[in-house]
Amino acid sequence: CLLSCLFGENRDIFFPKLSKDLHLITFKEIAETFL
């Protein structure tokens, strides 16, 4: 949010790039790890 606020040009929409670090995870996987 701060990056977009301070550096975004007019009408820019910032979003996280997909990478090996950001990937889809199921809620079931997280629940099992959480437990």
Full PDB file with SEQRES, HELIX, SHEET, SSBOND, CRYST1, ORIGX, SCALE, CONECT and MASTER records, all heavy atoms in Angstrom:
SEQRES   1 A   35  CYS LEU LEU SER CYS LEU PHE GLY GLU ASN ARG ASP ILE          
SEQRES   2 A   35  PHE PHE PRO LYS LEU SER LYS ASP LEU HIS LEU ILE THR          
SEQRES   3 A   35  PHE LYS GLU ILE ALA GLU THR PHE LEU                          
HELIX    1 AA1 LEU A    2  PHE A    7  1                                   6    
HELIX    2 AA2 PHE A   27  PHE A   34  1                                   8    
CRYST1    1.000    1.000    1.000  90.00  90.00  90.00 P 1           1          
ORIGX1      1.000000  0.000000  0.000000        0.00000                         
ORIGX2      0.000000  1.000000  0.000000        0.00000                         
ORIGX3      0.000000  0.000000  1.000000        0.00000                         
SCALE1      1.000000  0.000000  0.000000        0.00000                         
SCALE2      0.000000  1.000000  0.000000        0.00000                         
SCALE3      0.000000  0.000000  1.000000        0.00000                         
ATOM      1  N   CYS A   1       0.832  -1.206   0.000  1.00  0.00           N  
ATOM      2  CA  CYS A   1       0.000   0.000   0.000  1.00  0.00           C  
ATOM      3  C   CYS A   1       0.866   1.256   0.000  1.00  0.00           C  
ATOM      4  O   CYS A   1       0.588   2.216  -0.738  1.00  0.00           O  
ATOM      5  CB  CYS A   1      -0.918   0.007   1.220  1.00  0.00           C  
ATOM      6  SG  CYS A   1      -2.227  -1.238   1.166  1.00  0.00           S  
ATOM      7  N   LEU A   2       1.915   1.272   0.816  1.00  0.00           N  
ATOM      8  CA  LEU A   2       2.768   2.455   0.892  1.00  0.00           C  
ATOM      9  C   LEU A   2       3.521   2.677  -0.414  1.00  0.00           C  
ATOM     10  O   LEU A   2       3.658   3.817  -0.881  1.00  0.00           O  
ATOM     11  CB  LEU A   2       3.749   2.331   2.059  1.00  0.00           C  
ATOM     12  CG  LEU A   2       4.516   3.615   2.429  1.00  0.00           C  
ATOM     13  CD1 LEU A   2       3.557   4.733   2.801  1.00  0.00           C  
ATOM     14  CD2 LEU A   2       5.501   3.353   3.560  1.00  0.00           C  
ATOM     15  N   LEU A   3       4.002   1.604  -1.030  1.00  0.00           N  
ATOM     16  CA  LEU A   3       4.685   1.733  -2.320  1.00  0.00           C  
ATOM     17  C   LEU A   3       3.759   2.336  -3.368  1.00  0.00           C  
ATOM     18  O   LEU A   3       4.146   3.233  -4.120  1.00  0.00           O  
ATOM     19  CB  LEU A   3       5.191   0.362  -2.787  1.00  0.00           C  
ATOM     20  CG  LEU A   3       6.412  -0.218  -2.082  1.00  0.00           C  
ATOM     21  CD1 LEU A   3       6.643  -1.669  -2.516  1.00  0.00           C  
ATOM     22  CD2 LEU A   3       7.661   0.612  -2.373  1.00  0.00           C  
ATOM     23  N   SER A   4       2.528   1.839  -3.432  1.00  0.00           N  
ATOM     24  CA  SER A   4       1.582   2.358  -4.409  1.00  0.00           C  
ATOM     25  C   SER A   4       1.246   3.814  -4.129  1.00  0.00           C  
ATOM     26  O   SER A   4       1.191   4.650  -5.036  1.00  0.00           O  
ATOM     27  CB  SER A   4       0.298   1.521  -4.413  1.00  0.00           C  
ATOM     28  OG  SER A   4      -0.660   2.060  -5.300  1.00  0.00           O  
ATOM     29  N   CYS A   5       1.038   4.134  -2.851  1.00  0.00           N  
ATOM     30  CA  CYS A   5       0.682   5.500  -2.472  1.00  0.00           C  
ATOM     31  C   CYS A   5       1.787   6.487  -2.851  1.00  0.00           C  
ATOM     32  O   CYS A   5       1.509   7.545  -3.430  1.00  0.00           O  
ATOM     33  CB  CYS A   5       0.416   5.569  -0.970  1.00  0.00           C  
ATOM     34  SG  CYS A   5       0.089   7.241  -0.363  1.00  0.00           S  
ATOM     35  N   LEU A   6       3.033   6.156  -2.532  1.00  0.00           N  
ATOM     36  CA  LEU A   6       4.136   7.103  -2.715  1.00  0.00           C  
ATOM     37  C   LEU A   6       4.688   7.119  -4.139  1.00  0.00           C  
ATOM     38  O   LEU A   6       5.146   8.166  -4.620  1.00  0.00           O  
ATOM     39  CB  LEU A   6       5.262   6.795  -1.735  1.00  0.00           C  
ATOM     40  CG  LEU A   6       4.923   6.889  -0.243  1.00  0.00           C  
ATOM     41  CD1 LEU A   6       6.170   6.667   0.596  1.00  0.00           C  
ATOM     42  CD2 LEU A   6       4.268   8.211   0.102  1.00  0.00           C  
ATOM     43  N   PHE A   7       4.665   5.976  -4.830  1.00  0.00           N  
ATOM     44  CA  PHE A   7       5.341   5.880  -6.128  1.00  0.00           C  
ATOM     45  C   PHE A   7       4.405   5.589  -7.300  1.00  0.00           C  
ATOM     46  O   PHE A   7       4.823   5.681  -8.455  1.00  0.00           O  
ATOM     47  CB  PHE A   7       6.444   4.820  -6.064  1.00  0.00           C  
ATOM     48  CG  PHE A   7       7.494   5.121  -5.034  1.00  0.00           C  
ATOM     49  CD1 PHE A   7       7.547   4.395  -3.852  1.00  0.00           C  
ATOM     50  CD2 PHE A   7       8.403   6.146  -5.229  1.00  0.00           C  
ATOM     51  CE1 PHE A   7       8.501   4.689  -2.893  1.00  0.00           C  
ATOM     52  CE2 PHE A   7       9.369   6.436  -4.279  1.00  0.00           C  
ATOM     53  CZ  PHE A   7       9.422   5.715  -3.101  1.00  0.00           C  
ATOM     54  N   GLY A   8       3.175   5.213  -7.017  1.00  0.00           N  
ATOM     55  CA  GLY A   8       2.237   4.929  -8.097  1.00  0.00           C  
ATOM     56  C   GLY A   8       1.894   6.186  -8.882  1.00  0.00           C  
ATOM     57  O   GLY A   8       1.632   7.238  -8.303  1.00  0.00           O  
ATOM     58  N   GLU A   9       1.899   6.073 -10.190  1.00  0.00           N  
ATOM     59  CA  GLU A   9       1.449   7.180 -11.032  1.00  0.00           C  
ATOM     60  C   GLU A   9      -0.074   7.196 -11.055  1.00  0.00           C  
ATOM     61  O   GLU A   9      -0.736   6.258 -10.601  1.00  0.00           O  
ATOM     62  CB  GLU A   9       2.021   7.020 -12.440  1.00  0.00           C  
ATOM     63  CG  GLU A   9       3.542   7.100 -12.479  1.00  0.00           C  
ATOM     64  CD  GLU A   9       4.110   6.930 -13.880  1.00  0.00           C  
ATOM     65  OE1 GLU A   9       3.345   6.537 -14.791  1.00  0.00           O  
ATOM     66  OE2 GLU A   9       5.318   7.174 -14.062  1.00  0.00           O  
ATOM     67  N   ASN A  10      -0.622   8.274 -11.562  1.00  0.00           N  
ATOM     68  CA  ASN A  10      -2.072   8.418 -11.569  1.00  0.00           C  
ATOM     69  C   ASN A  10      -2.746   7.230 -12.278  1.00  0.00           C  
ATOM     70  O   ASN A  10      -2.373   6.870 -13.386  1.00  0.00           O  
ATOM     71  CB  ASN A  10      -2.457   9.724 -12.268  1.00  0.00           C  
ATOM     72  CG  ASN A  10      -3.880  10.158 -11.955  1.00  0.00           C  
ATOM     73  OD1 ASN A  10      -4.517   9.621 -11.055  1.00  0.00           O  
ATOM     74  ND2 ASN A  10      -4.389  11.129 -12.705  1.00  0.00           N  
ATOM     75  N   ARG A  11      -3.685   6.612 -11.561  1.00  0.00           N  
ATOM     76  CA  ARG A  11      -4.502   5.481 -12.039  1.00  0.00           C  
ATOM     77  C   ARG A  11      -3.769   4.139 -12.009  1.00  0.00           C  
ATOM     78  O   ARG A  11      -4.287   3.136 -12.487  1.00  0.00           O  
ATOM     79  CB  ARG A  11      -5.062   5.752 -13.455  1.00  0.00           C  
ATOM     80  CG  ARG A  11      -6.042   6.910 -13.496  1.00  0.00           C  
ATOM     81  CD  ARG A  11      -6.564   7.153 -14.901  1.00  0.00           C  
ATOM     82  NE  ARG A  11      -5.543   7.722 -15.781  1.00  0.00           N  
ATOM     83  CZ  ARG A  11      -5.269   9.022 -15.870  1.00  0.00           C  
ATOM     84  NH1 ARG A  11      -5.929   9.892 -15.129  1.00  0.00           N  
ATOM     85  NH2 ARG A  11      -4.334   9.457 -16.690  1.00  0.00           N  
ATOM     86  N   ASP A  12      -2.562   4.088 -11.461  1.00  0.00           N  
ATOM     87  CA  ASP A  12      -1.842   2.807 -11.348  1.00  0.00           C  
ATOM     88  C   ASP A  12      -2.505   1.893 -10.328  1.00  0.00           C  
ATOM     89  O   ASP A  12      -2.974   2.341  -9.271  1.00  0.00           O  
ATOM     90  CB  ASP A  12      -0.391   3.039 -10.903  1.00  0.00           C  
ATOM     91  CG  ASP A  12       0.522   3.455 -12.037  1.00  0.00           C  
ATOM     92  OD1 ASP A  12       0.059   3.514 -13.192  1.00  0.00           O  
ATOM     93  OD2 ASP A  12       1.719   3.722 -11.763  1.00  0.00           O  
ATOM     94  N   ILE A  13      -2.515   0.595 -10.642  1.00  0.00           N  
ATOM     95  CA  ILE A  13      -2.957  -0.430  -9.699  1.00  0.00           C  
ATOM     96  C   ILE A  13      -1.774  -1.365  -9.457  1.00  0.00           C  
ATOM     97  O   ILE A  13      -1.323  -2.049 -10.375  1.00  0.00           O  
ATOM     98  CB  ILE A  13      -4.160  -1.226 -10.235  1.00  0.00           C  
ATOM     99  CG1 ILE A  13      -5.337  -0.290 -10.547  1.00  0.00           C  
ATOM    100  CG2 ILE A  13      -4.583  -2.291  -9.215  1.00  0.00           C  
ATOM    101  CD1 ILE A  13      -6.533  -0.992 -11.199  1.00  0.00           C  
ATOM    102  N   PHE A  14      -1.253  -1.387  -8.235  1.00  0.00           N  
ATOM    103  CA  PHE A  14      -0.121  -2.253  -7.884  1.00  0.00           C  
ATOM    104  C   PHE A  14      -0.642  -3.632  -7.479  1.00  0.00           C  
ATOM    105  O   PHE A  14      -1.733  -3.757  -6.918  1.00  0.00           O  
ATOM    106  CB  PHE A  14       0.669  -1.655  -6.719  1.00  0.00           C  
ATOM    107  CG  PHE A  14       1.648  -0.573  -7.111  1.00  0.00           C  
ATOM    108  CD1 PHE A  14       1.349   0.342  -8.095  1.00  0.00           C  
ATOM    109  CD2 PHE A  14       2.877  -0.464  -6.471  1.00  0.00           C  
ATOM    110  CE1 PHE A  14       2.238   1.339  -8.463  1.00  0.00           C  
ATOM    111  CE2 PHE A  14       3.784   0.525  -6.814  1.00  0.00           C  
ATOM    112  CZ  PHE A  14       3.468   1.432  -7.811  1.00  0.00           C  
ATOM    113  N   PHE A  15       0.155  -4.661  -7.758  1.00  0.00           N  
ATOM    114  CA  PHE A  15      -0.184  -6.015  -7.312  1.00  0.00           C  
ATOM    115  C   PHE A  15       1.098  -6.825  -7.144  1.00  0.00           C  
ATOM    116  O   PHE A  15       2.131  -6.494  -7.741  1.00  0.00           O  
ATOM    117  CB  PHE A  15      -1.126  -6.707  -8.308  1.00  0.00           C  
ATOM    118  CG  PHE A  15      -0.531  -6.931  -9.681  1.00  0.00           C  
ATOM    119  CD1 PHE A  15       0.157  -8.097  -9.983  1.00  0.00           C  
ATOM    120  CD2 PHE A  15      -0.654  -5.965 -10.673  1.00  0.00           C  
ATOM    121  CE1 PHE A  15       0.709  -8.308 -11.244  1.00  0.00           C  
ATOM    122  CE2 PHE A  15      -0.105  -6.155 -11.935  1.00  0.00           C  
ATOM    123  CZ  PHE A  15       0.582  -7.328 -12.220  1.00  0.00           C  
ATOM    124  N   PRO A  16       1.087  -7.885  -6.327  1.00  0.00           N  
ATOM    125  CA  PRO A  16       2.289  -8.710  -6.155  1.00  0.00           C  
ATOM    126  C   PRO A  16       2.537  -9.563  -7.400  1.00  0.00           C  
ATOM    127  O   PRO A  16       1.612 -10.198  -7.914  1.00  0.00           O  
ATOM    128  CB  PRO A  16       1.955  -9.610  -4.959  1.00  0.00           C  
ATOM    129  CG  PRO A  16       0.679  -9.095  -4.399  1.00  0.00           C  
ATOM    130  CD  PRO A  16      -0.017  -8.364  -5.489  1.00  0.00           C  
ATOM    131  N   LYS A  17       3.778  -9.555  -7.866  1.00  0.00           N  
ATOM    132  CA  LYS A  17       4.132 -10.438  -8.980  1.00  0.00           C  
ATOM    133  C   LYS A  17       4.107 -11.891  -8.519  1.00  0.00           C  
ATOM    134  O   LYS A  17       4.527 -12.216  -7.403  1.00  0.00           O  
ATOM    135  CB  LYS A  17       5.549 -10.129  -9.476  1.00  0.00           C  
ATOM    136  CG  LYS A  17       5.685  -8.925 -10.362  1.00  0.00           C  
ATOM    137  CD  LYS A  17       7.134  -8.844 -10.849  1.00  0.00           C  
ATOM    138  CE  LYS A  17       7.422  -7.575 -11.614  1.00  0.00           C  
ATOM    139  NZ  LYS A  17       8.849  -7.483 -11.999  1.00  0.00           N  
ATOM    140  N   LEU A  18       3.655 -12.759  -9.396  1.00  0.00           N  
ATOM    141  CA  LEU A  18       3.727 -14.181  -9.109  1.00  0.00           C  
ATOM    142  C   LEU A  18       5.178 -14.639  -9.235  1.00  0.00           C  
ATOM    143  O   LEU A  18       5.917 -14.194 -10.106  1.00  0.00           O  
ATOM    144  CB  LEU A  18       2.843 -14.968 -10.069  1.00  0.00           C  
ATOM    145  CG  LEU A  18       1.360 -14.580 -10.080  1.00  0.00           C  
ATOM    146  CD1 LEU A  18       0.581 -15.556 -10.947  1.00  0.00           C  
ATOM    147  CD2 LEU A  18       0.799 -14.555  -8.678  1.00  0.00           C  
ATOM    148  N   SER A  19       5.590 -15.528  -8.351  1.00  0.00           N  
ATOM    149  CA  SER A  19       6.965 -16.024  -8.349  1.00  0.00           C  
ATOM    150  C   SER A  19       6.996 -17.353  -7.627  1.00  0.00           C  
ATOM    151  O   SER A  19       5.963 -17.861  -7.179  1.00  0.00           O  
ATOM    152  CB  SER A  19       7.889 -15.022  -7.638  1.00  0.00           C  
ATOM    153  OG  SER A  19       7.559 -14.960  -6.258  1.00  0.00           O  
ATOM    154  N   LYS A  20       8.194 -17.884  -7.459  1.00  0.00           N  
ATOM    155  CA  LYS A  20       8.315 -19.139  -6.706  1.00  0.00           C  
ATOM    156  C   LYS A  20       7.913 -18.932  -5.246  1.00  0.00           C  
ATOM    157  O   LYS A  20       7.539 -19.869  -4.546  1.00  0.00           O  
ATOM    158  CB  LYS A  20       9.747 -19.667  -6.776  1.00  0.00           C  
ATOM    159  CG  LYS A  20      10.803 -18.760  -6.170  1.00  0.00           C  
ATOM    160  CD  LYS A  20      12.183 -19.370  -6.282  1.00  0.00           C  
ATOM    161  CE  LYS A  20      13.271 -18.449  -5.727  1.00  0.00           C  
ATOM    162  NZ  LYS A  20      13.091 -18.159  -4.298  1.00  0.00           N  
ATOM    163  N   ASP A  21       7.971 -17.645  -4.782  1.00  0.00           N  
ATOM    164  CA  ASP A  21       7.614 -17.353  -3.400  1.00  0.00           C  
ATOM    165  C   ASP A  21       6.123 -17.082  -3.232  1.00  0.00           C  
ATOM    166  O   ASP A  21       5.581 -17.230  -2.140  1.00  0.00           O  
ATOM    167  CB  ASP A  21       8.401 -16.141  -2.888  1.00  0.00           C  
ATOM    168  CG  ASP A  21       9.882 -16.451  -2.714  1.00  0.00           C  
ATOM    169  OD1 ASP A  21      10.181 -17.552  -2.245  1.00  0.00           O  
ATOM    170  OD2 ASP A  21      10.716 -15.608  -3.070  1.00  0.00           O  
ATOM    171  N   LEU A  22       5.470 -16.631  -4.294  1.00  0.00           N  
ATOM    172  CA  LEU A  22       4.040 -16.352  -4.208  1.00  0.00           C  
ATOM    173  C   LEU A  22       3.304 -17.318  -5.116  1.00  0.00           C  
ATOM    174  O   LEU A  22       3.358 -17.219  -6.340  1.00  0.00           O  
ATOM    175  CB  LEU A  22       3.734 -14.912  -4.618  1.00  0.00           C  
ATOM    176  CG  LEU A  22       2.257 -14.503  -4.486  1.00  0.00           C  
ATOM    177  CD1 LEU A  22       1.815 -14.532  -3.025  1.00  0.00           C  
ATOM    178  CD2 LEU A  22       2.024 -13.131  -5.079  1.00  0.00           C  
ATOM    179  N   HIS A  23       2.625 -18.266  -4.512  1.00  0.00           N  
ATOM    180  CA  HIS A  23       1.920 -19.273  -5.299  1.00  0.00           C  
ATOM    181  C   HIS A  23       0.622 -19.649  -4.597  1.00  0.00           C  
ATOM    182  O   HIS A  23       0.409 -19.342  -3.429  1.00  0.00           O  
ATOM    183  CB  HIS A  23       2.804 -20.516  -5.500  1.00  0.00           C  
ATOM    184  CG  HIS A  23       3.395 -21.034  -4.221  1.00  0.00           C  
ATOM    185  ND1 HIS A  23       4.600 -20.619  -3.731  1.00  0.00           N  
ATOM    186  CD2 HIS A  23       2.921 -21.908  -3.316  1.00  0.00           C  
ATOM    187  CE1 HIS A  23       4.863 -21.229  -2.586  1.00  0.00           C  
ATOM    188  NE2 HIS A  23       3.858 -22.011  -2.302  1.00  0.00           N  
ATOM    189  N   LEU A  24      -0.245 -20.308  -5.328  1.00  0.00           N  
ATOM    190  CA  LEU A  24      -1.541 -20.694  -4.791  1.00  0.00           C  
ATOM    191  C   LEU A  24      -1.406 -21.822  -3.775  1.00  0.00           C  
ATOM    192  O   LEU A  24      -0.681 -22.789  -3.988  1.00  0.00           O  
ATOM    193  CB  LEU A  24      -2.462 -21.132  -5.934  1.00  0.00           C  
ATOM    194  CG  LEU A  24      -2.939 -20.007  -6.867  1.00  0.00           C  
ATOM    195  CD1 LEU A  24      -3.476 -20.588  -8.162  1.00  0.00           C  
ATOM    196  CD2 LEU A  24      -3.994 -19.152  -6.189  1.00  0.00           C  
ATOM    197  N   ILE A  25      -2.124 -21.682  -2.662  1.00  0.00           N  
ATOM    198  CA  ILE A  25      -2.115 -22.689  -1.601  1.00  0.00           C  
ATOM    199  C   ILE A  25      -3.556 -22.957  -1.194  1.00  0.00           C  
ATOM    200  O   ILE A  25      -4.377 -22.029  -1.139  1.00  0.00           O  
ATOM    201  CB  ILE A  25      -1.333 -22.196  -0.359  1.00  0.00           C  
ATOM    202  CG1 ILE A  25       0.026 -21.628  -0.748  1.00  0.00           C  
ATOM    203  CG2 ILE A  25      -1.161 -23.321   0.659  1.00  0.00           C  
ATOM    204  CD1 ILE A  25       0.734 -20.932   0.396  1.00  0.00           C  
ATOM    205  N   THR A  26      -3.872 -24.200  -0.887  1.00  0.00           N  
ATOM    206  CA  THR A  26      -5.218 -24.516  -0.420  1.00  0.00           C  
ATOM    207  C   THR A  26      -5.331 -24.226   1.081  1.00  0.00           C  
ATOM    208  O   THR A  26      -4.354 -24.278   1.826  1.00  0.00           O  
ATOM    209  CB  THR A  26      -5.572 -25.994  -0.653  1.00  0.00           C  
ATOM    210  OG1 THR A  26      -4.733 -26.818   0.164  1.00  0.00           O  
ATOM    211  CG2 THR A  26      -5.411 -26.372  -2.116  1.00  0.00           C  
ATOM    212  N   PHE A  27      -6.547 -23.903   1.507  1.00  0.00           N  
ATOM    213  CA  PHE A  27      -6.793 -23.700   2.927  1.00  0.00           C  
ATOM    214  C   PHE A  27      -6.522 -24.983   3.713  1.00  0.00           C  
ATOM    215  O   PHE A  27      -6.099 -24.932   4.870  1.00  0.00           O  
ATOM    216  CB  PHE A  27      -8.237 -23.241   3.155  1.00  0.00           C  
ATOM    217  CG  PHE A  27      -8.480 -21.806   2.776  1.00  0.00           C  
ATOM    218  CD1 PHE A  27      -9.297 -21.486   1.703  1.00  0.00           C  
ATOM    219  CD2 PHE A  27      -7.896 -20.779   3.489  1.00  0.00           C  
ATOM    220  CE1 PHE A  27      -9.531 -20.168   1.350  1.00  0.00           C  
ATOM    221  CE2 PHE A  27      -8.122 -19.449   3.147  1.00  0.00           C  
ATOM    222  CZ  PHE A  27      -8.943 -19.148   2.077  1.00  0.00           C  
ATOM    223  N   LYS A  28      -6.770 -26.116   3.094  1.00  0.00           N  
ATOM    224  CA  LYS A  28      -6.522 -27.402   3.761  1.00  0.00           C  
ATOM    225  C   LYS A  28      -5.035 -27.553   4.084  1.00  0.00           C  
ATOM    226  O   LYS A  28      -4.672 -27.971   5.195  1.00  0.00           O  
ATOM    227  CB  LYS A  28      -6.993 -28.544   2.862  1.00  0.00           C  
ATOM    228  CG  LYS A  28      -6.779 -29.946   3.428  1.00  0.00           C  
ATOM    229  CD  LYS A  28      -7.405 -30.989   2.502  1.00  0.00           C  
ATOM    230  CE  LYS A  28      -7.239 -32.404   3.033  1.00  0.00           C  
ATOM    231  NZ  LYS A  28      -5.867 -32.912   2.863  1.00  0.00           N  
ATOM    232  N   GLU A  29      -4.171 -27.196   3.130  1.00  0.00           N  
ATOM    233  CA  GLU A  29      -2.729 -27.282   3.373  1.00  0.00           C  
ATOM    234  C   GLU A  29      -2.311 -26.408   4.552  1.00  0.00           C  
ATOM    235  O   GLU A  29      -1.528 -26.833   5.414  1.00  0.00           O  
ATOM    236  CB  GLU A  29      -1.956 -26.825   2.131  1.00  0.00           C  
ATOM    237  CG  GLU A  29      -1.989 -27.759   0.945  1.00  0.00           C  
ATOM    238  CD  GLU A  29      -1.226 -27.156  -0.224  1.00  0.00           C  
ATOM    239  OE1 GLU A  29       0.000 -27.344  -0.293  1.00  0.00           O  
ATOM    240  OE2 GLU A  29      -1.861 -26.476  -1.066  1.00  0.00           O  
ATOM    241  N   ILE A  30      -2.832 -25.198   4.579  1.00  0.00           N  
ATOM    242  CA  ILE A  30      -2.456 -24.275   5.661  1.00  0.00           C  
ATOM    243  C   ILE A  30      -2.993 -24.784   6.993  1.00  0.00           C  
ATOM    244  O   ILE A  30      -2.304 -24.702   8.026  1.00  0.00           O  
ATOM    245  CB  ILE A  30      -2.960 -22.851   5.366  1.00  0.00           C  
ATOM    246  CG1 ILE A  30      -2.223 -22.287   4.153  1.00  0.00           C  
ATOM    247  CG2 ILE A  30      -2.771 -21.942   6.569  1.00  0.00           C  
ATOM    248  CD1 ILE A  30      -2.619 -20.879   3.788  1.00  0.00           C  
ATOM    249  N   ALA A  31      -4.209 -25.311   6.996  1.00  0.00           N  
ATOM    250  CA  ALA A  31      -4.786 -25.839   8.238  1.00  0.00           C  
ATOM    251  C   ALA A  31      -3.924 -26.963   8.800  1.00  0.00           C  
ATOM    252  O   ALA A  31      -3.661 -27.017  10.011  1.00  0.00           O  
ATOM    253  CB  ALA A  31      -6.208 -26.327   7.984  1.00  0.00           C  
ATOM    254  N   GLU A  32      -3.482 -27.846   7.937  1.00  0.00           N  
ATOM    255  CA  GLU A  32      -2.652 -28.965   8.395  1.00  0.00           C  
ATOM    256  C   GLU A  32      -1.322 -28.482   8.959  1.00  0.00           C  
ATOM    257  O   GLU A  32      -0.859 -28.962  10.005  1.00  0.00           O  
ATOM    258  CB  GLU A  32      -2.432 -29.944   7.238  1.00  0.00           C  
ATOM    259  CG  GLU A  32      -3.712 -30.679   6.836  1.00  0.00           C  
ATOM    260  CD  GLU A  32      -3.585 -31.417   5.504  1.00  0.00           C  
ATOM    261  OE1 GLU A  32      -2.691 -31.073   4.696  1.00  0.00           O  
ATOM    262  OE2 GLU A  32      -4.394 -32.339   5.270  1.00  0.00           O  
ATOM    263  N   THR A  33      -0.701 -27.505   8.284  1.00  0.00           N  
ATOM    264  CA  THR A  33       0.558 -26.952   8.780  1.00  0.00           C  
ATOM    265  C   THR A  33       0.340 -26.199  10.081  1.00  0.00           C  
ATOM    266  O   THR A  33       1.140 -26.289  11.022  1.00  0.00           O  
ATOM    267  CB  THR A  33       1.177 -26.001   7.730  1.00  0.00           C  
ATOM    268  OG1 THR A  33       1.298 -26.680   6.490  1.00  0.00           O  
ATOM    269  CG2 THR A  33       2.547 -25.512   8.182  1.00  0.00           C  
ATOM    270  N   PHE A  34      -0.747 -25.447  10.165  1.00  0.00           N  
ATOM    271  CA  PHE A  34      -1.078 -24.684  11.365  1.00  0.00           C  
ATOM    272  C   PHE A  34      -1.231 -25.608  12.571  1.00  0.00           C  
ATOM    273  O   PHE A  34      -0.723 -25.326  13.665  1.00  0.00           O  
ATOM    274  CB  PHE A  34      -2.365 -23.900  11.129  1.00  0.00           C  
ATOM    275  CG  PHE A  34      -2.882 -23.165  12.327  1.00  0.00           C  
ATOM    276  CD1 PHE A  34      -2.317 -21.969  12.724  1.00  0.00           C  
ATOM    277  CD2 PHE A  34      -3.958 -23.662  13.048  1.00  0.00           C  
ATOM    278  CE1 PHE A  34      -2.802 -21.284  13.844  1.00  0.00           C  
ATOM    279  CE2 PHE A  34      -4.453 -22.985  14.154  1.00  0.00           C  
ATOM    280  CZ  PHE A  34      -3.872 -21.804  14.548  1.00  0.00           C  
ATOM    281  N   LEU A  35      -1.929 -26.712  12.380  1.00  0.00           N  
ATOM    282  CA  LEU A  35      -2.104 -27.667  13.477  1.00  0.00           C  
ATOM    283  C   LEU A  35      -0.769 -28.262  13.914  1.00  0.00           C  
ATOM    284  O   LEU A  35      -0.497 -28.412  15.107  1.00  0.00           O  
ATOM    285  CB  LEU A  35      -3.073 -28.773  13.065  1.00  0.00           C  
ATOM    286  CG  LEU A  35      -4.551 -28.373  12.993  1.00  0.00           C  
ATOM    287  CD1 LEU A  35      -5.381 -29.503  12.412  1.00  0.00           C  
ATOM    288  CD2 LEU A  35      -5.071 -27.987  14.379  1.00  0.00           C  
TER     289      LEU A  35                                                      
MASTER        0    0    0    2    0    0    0    6  288    1    0    3          
END                                                                             
